[in-house]
Amino acid sequence: MDDSEGDGRSTTLQMHLTDAPGDVTKANVLIDSVSIVGRVPEEDTTIGDSTDVDVSVLSEESFEVDLTQLEGEVDTLLGTLDLEAGTYSQVRMITADPENFDVRYETAQDDTAQANLFIPGGEPNGIKVNFDSPLTVDASMDTVDITLDFDAGESFIPRGRDGQTSDYNFKPTVQATVDTIGGGN
């Protein structure tokens, strides 16, 4: 990673998770780890996928969260990390097998039922949340707050008519918002 400041200071990174409202009535998701990924310099053609670059792990401790309880201004802290100066391109959340999720939906009879989840395209290698533009962290920043807005309503898609199927595709829709305290970006 590019440490252009070179003074060895680090910035505190705080990562939060929240949820946009949706029709899913319960969405317990098991997250195994959360990381922030360094940006590959455009001129460096020796590095392949972003999995080959600096990854700073915020949390390797599994935790379960009901996304529907995080709507509006409510969020939960995923982790805190002393982050080196550099440029970062994405956040990665590794989830457990969706068969271990507890996702419920509202039926046509105004009841709730357990959803059967499927992952289109095979097994996931993590939920990758790219920043709209690269996040540059420098020594003048005291804190960088990243909020991941996990849209449960857009992430669990019925495989049939609403309220008439128990089969859902799991296609995570997550947006990142970055706020800094005490510096640029």
Protein backbone atom coordinates (compact mmCIF):
# COMPACT_ATOMS: atom_id res chain seq x y z
CA MET A 1 0.00 0.00 0.00
CA ASP A 2 1.16 3.54 -0.69
CA ASP A 3 2.22 5.17 2.59
CA SER A 4 2.92 8.59 1.10
CA GLU A 5 2.78 10.32 4.48
CA GLY A 6 5.54 8.08 5.84
CA ASP A 7 5.24 9.25 9.45
CA GLY A 8 3.88 5.94 10.78
CA ARG A 9 0.64 7.48 12.14
CA SER A 10 -2.50 5.50 11.67
CA THR A 11 -6.15 6.47 11.39
CA THR A 12 -8.95 4.81 13.31
CA LEU A 13 -11.36 2.99 11.01
CA GLN A 14 -14.85 2.29 12.38
CA MET A 15 -17.14 0.10 10.28
CA HIS A 16 -20.92 0.07 10.85
CA LEU A 17 -23.74 -1.97 9.31
CA THR A 18 -27.30 -0.71 8.72
CA ASP A 19 -30.23 -1.81 6.54
CA ALA A 20 -32.62 -0.11 4.16
CA PRO A 21 -36.28 -1.02 4.76
CA GLY A 22 -37.82 -3.85 2.74
CA ASP A 23 -40.53 -6.53 2.64
CA VAL A 24 -38.44 -9.19 4.36
CA THR A 25 -39.71 -9.53 7.94
CA LYS A 26 -36.57 -11.17 9.37
CA ALA A 27 -33.07 -11.48 7.93
CA ASN A 28 -30.61 -13.09 10.35
CA VAL A 29 -27.31 -13.18 8.48
CA LEU A 30 -24.15 -14.84 9.81
CA ILE A 31 -21.01 -12.86 8.96
CA ASP A 32 -17.69 -14.68 9.41
CA SER A 33 -15.25 -11.82 8.79
CA VAL A 34 -14.99 -8.19 7.67
CA SER A 35 -11.97 -6.69 5.86
CA ILE A 36 -10.91 -3.55 4.02
CA VAL A 37 -8.92 -4.11 0.81
CA GLY A 38 -6.05 -1.95 -0.49
CA ARG A 39 -6.20 -0.56 -4.00
CA VAL A 40 -4.04 -2.06 -6.76
CA PRO A 41 -2.03 0.70 -8.49
CA GLU A 42 -3.17 0.95 -12.13
CA GLU A 43 0.41 0.73 -13.38
CA ASP A 44 1.04 -2.56 -11.49
CA THR A 45 0.13 -5.38 -13.86
CA THR A 46 1.79 -8.08 -11.72
CA ILE A 47 -1.06 -8.17 -9.21
CA GLY A 48 -4.17 -10.08 -10.26
CA ASP A 49 -7.45 -10.01 -8.38
CA SER A 50 -7.94 -7.71 -5.40
CA THR A 51 -7.57 -10.82 -3.22
CA ASP A 52 -3.82 -10.58 -3.89
CA VAL A 53 -3.32 -7.14 -2.28
CA ASP A 54 -3.16 -5.82 1.26
CA VAL A 55 -6.19 -6.87 3.23
CA SER A 56 -6.72 -5.43 6.71
CA VAL A 57 -9.05 -7.57 8.79
CA LEU A 58 -11.44 -5.74 11.12
CA SER A 59 -13.03 -8.85 12.55
CA GLU A 60 -12.56 -12.59 12.19
CA GLU A 61 -15.10 -13.31 14.87
CA SER A 62 -18.39 -14.66 13.49
CA PHE A 63 -21.51 -12.81 14.49
CA GLU A 64 -25.18 -12.95 13.62
CA VAL A 65 -27.26 -9.87 12.90
CA ASP A 66 -30.93 -9.39 12.01
CA LEU A 67 -30.72 -6.82 9.23
CA THR A 68 -34.36 -5.83 9.65
CA GLN A 69 -33.52 -4.49 13.14
CA LEU A 70 -31.01 -2.04 11.62
CA GLU A 71 -33.44 0.09 9.63
CA GLY A 72 -33.41 3.89 9.64
CA GLU A 73 -30.79 5.52 11.84
CA VAL A 74 -29.98 2.26 13.69
CA ASP A 75 -26.66 0.55 13.01
CA THR A 76 -24.25 -1.85 14.64
CA LEU A 77 -20.47 -1.51 14.94
CA LEU A 78 -18.73 -4.29 12.99
CA GLY A 79 -15.26 -3.44 14.20
CA THR A 80 -12.54 -0.88 14.75
CA LEU A 81 -9.04 -0.97 13.30
CA ASP A 82 -5.93 1.23 13.27
CA LEU A 83 -5.58 1.79 9.53
CA GLU A 84 -2.34 2.79 7.82
CA ALA A 85 -2.22 5.68 5.37
CA GLY A 86 -2.97 4.44 1.88
CA THR A 87 -5.63 3.98 -0.73
CA TYR A 88 -8.43 1.45 -0.31
CA SER A 89 -10.89 0.16 -2.90
CA GLN A 90 -13.40 -2.08 -1.17
CA VAL A 91 -14.79 -3.72 1.94
CA ARG A 92 -15.28 -7.47 1.97
CA MET A 93 -17.72 -9.35 4.21
CA ILE A 94 -17.43 -13.12 4.23
CA THR A 95 -20.76 -14.68 5.12
CA ALA A 96 -21.57 -18.17 6.29
CA ASP A 97 -23.45 -20.54 4.01
CA PRO A 98 -26.88 -18.95 3.35
CA GLU A 99 -28.49 -22.22 4.47
CA ASN A 100 -27.52 -21.01 7.97
CA PHE A 101 -29.37 -17.70 7.53
CA ASP A 102 -32.79 -17.26 9.12
CA VAL A 103 -34.73 -15.25 6.54
CA ARG A 104 -38.50 -14.91 6.79
CA TYR A 105 -40.94 -13.26 4.44
CA GLU A 106 -44.59 -12.27 4.47
CA THR A 107 -46.91 -14.68 2.66
CA ALA A 108 -50.01 -13.85 0.60
CA GLN A 109 -52.05 -14.92 3.66
CA ASP A 110 -50.33 -12.24 5.79
CA ASP A 111 -48.37 -14.94 7.58
CA THR A 112 -44.60 -15.33 7.81
CA ALA A 113 -42.61 -18.29 6.51
CA GLN A 114 -39.00 -19.46 6.30
CA ALA A 115 -37.26 -18.65 3.00
CA ASN A 116 -35.12 -21.16 1.10
CA LEU A 117 -32.08 -19.26 -0.16
CA PHE A 118 -30.14 -19.82 -3.36
CA ILE A 119 -26.97 -18.11 -4.57
CA PRO A 120 -27.10 -17.47 -8.32
CA GLY A 121 -23.83 -18.45 -9.97
CA GLY A 122 -22.59 -20.80 -7.25
CA GLU A 123 -20.88 -20.32 -3.91
CA PRO A 124 -19.94 -16.82 -2.79
CA ASN A 125 -16.39 -15.68 -2.12
CA GLY A 126 -17.59 -12.79 -0.03
CA ILE A 127 -19.72 -9.72 -0.42
CA LYS A 128 -17.53 -7.13 -2.12
CA VAL A 129 -18.53 -3.52 -1.52
CA ASN A 130 -16.59 -1.18 -3.81
CA PHE A 131 -16.24 2.48 -2.89
CA ASP A 132 -17.67 4.94 -5.46
CA SER A 133 -14.14 6.35 -5.70
CA PRO A 134 -11.00 5.02 -3.99
CA LEU A 135 -10.77 5.90 -0.29
CA THR A 136 -7.49 7.69 0.43
CA VAL A 137 -6.50 7.72 4.08
CA ASP A 138 -3.76 10.09 5.22
CA ALA A 139 -2.17 10.85 8.59
CA SER A 140 -4.24 14.02 9.07
CA MET A 141 -7.41 11.97 9.52
CA ASP A 142 -8.32 11.01 13.06
CA THR A 143 -11.22 8.71 12.22
CA VAL A 144 -12.82 7.21 9.12
CA ASP A 145 -16.37 5.97 9.63
CA ILE A 146 -17.68 3.58 6.99
CA THR A 147 -21.35 2.64 7.09
CA LEU A 148 -22.43 -0.36 5.02
CA ASP A 149 -26.11 -0.10 4.09
CA PHE A 150 -27.25 -3.67 3.44
CA ASP A 151 -30.54 -3.44 1.52
CA ALA A 152 -32.43 -6.58 2.63
CA GLY A 153 -35.39 -5.70 0.40
CA GLU A 154 -33.16 -5.77 -2.70
CA SER A 155 -30.87 -8.61 -1.54
CA PHE A 156 -33.46 -11.34 -1.06
CA ILE A 157 -35.33 -11.72 -4.36
CA PRO A 158 -38.36 -14.04 -4.66
CA ARG A 159 -37.95 -16.72 -7.34
CA GLY A 160 -41.67 -16.58 -8.05
CA ARG A 161 -44.60 -14.32 -7.32
CA ASP A 162 -44.34 -12.35 -4.07
CA GLY A 163 -45.98 -14.14 -1.17
CA GLN A 164 -46.41 -17.36 -3.19
CA THR A 165 -42.91 -18.82 -3.08
CA SER A 166 -40.51 -19.83 -0.34
CA ASP A 167 -37.54 -19.77 -2.73
CA TYR A 168 -35.38 -16.63 -2.75
CA ASN A 169 -32.17 -15.67 -4.53
CA PHE A 170 -29.54 -14.09 -2.28
CA LYS A 171 -27.93 -11.27 -4.29
CA PRO A 172 -26.46 -8.87 -1.71
CA THR A 173 -27.02 -5.18 -2.38
CA VAL A 174 -24.75 -3.08 -0.16
CA GLN A 175 -23.75 0.59 -0.43
CA ALA A 176 -20.82 2.17 1.45
CA THR A 177 -20.90 5.68 2.93
CA VAL A 178 -17.64 7.20 4.15
CA ASP A 179 -17.31 10.02 6.71
CA THR A 180 -13.97 11.37 7.92
CA ILE A 181 -13.11 13.32 11.06
CA GLY A 182 -10.06 15.56 11.25
CA GLY A 183 -8.78 15.63 7.68
CA GLY A 184 -9.45 15.33 3.98
CA ASN A 185 -11.51 12.93 1.80
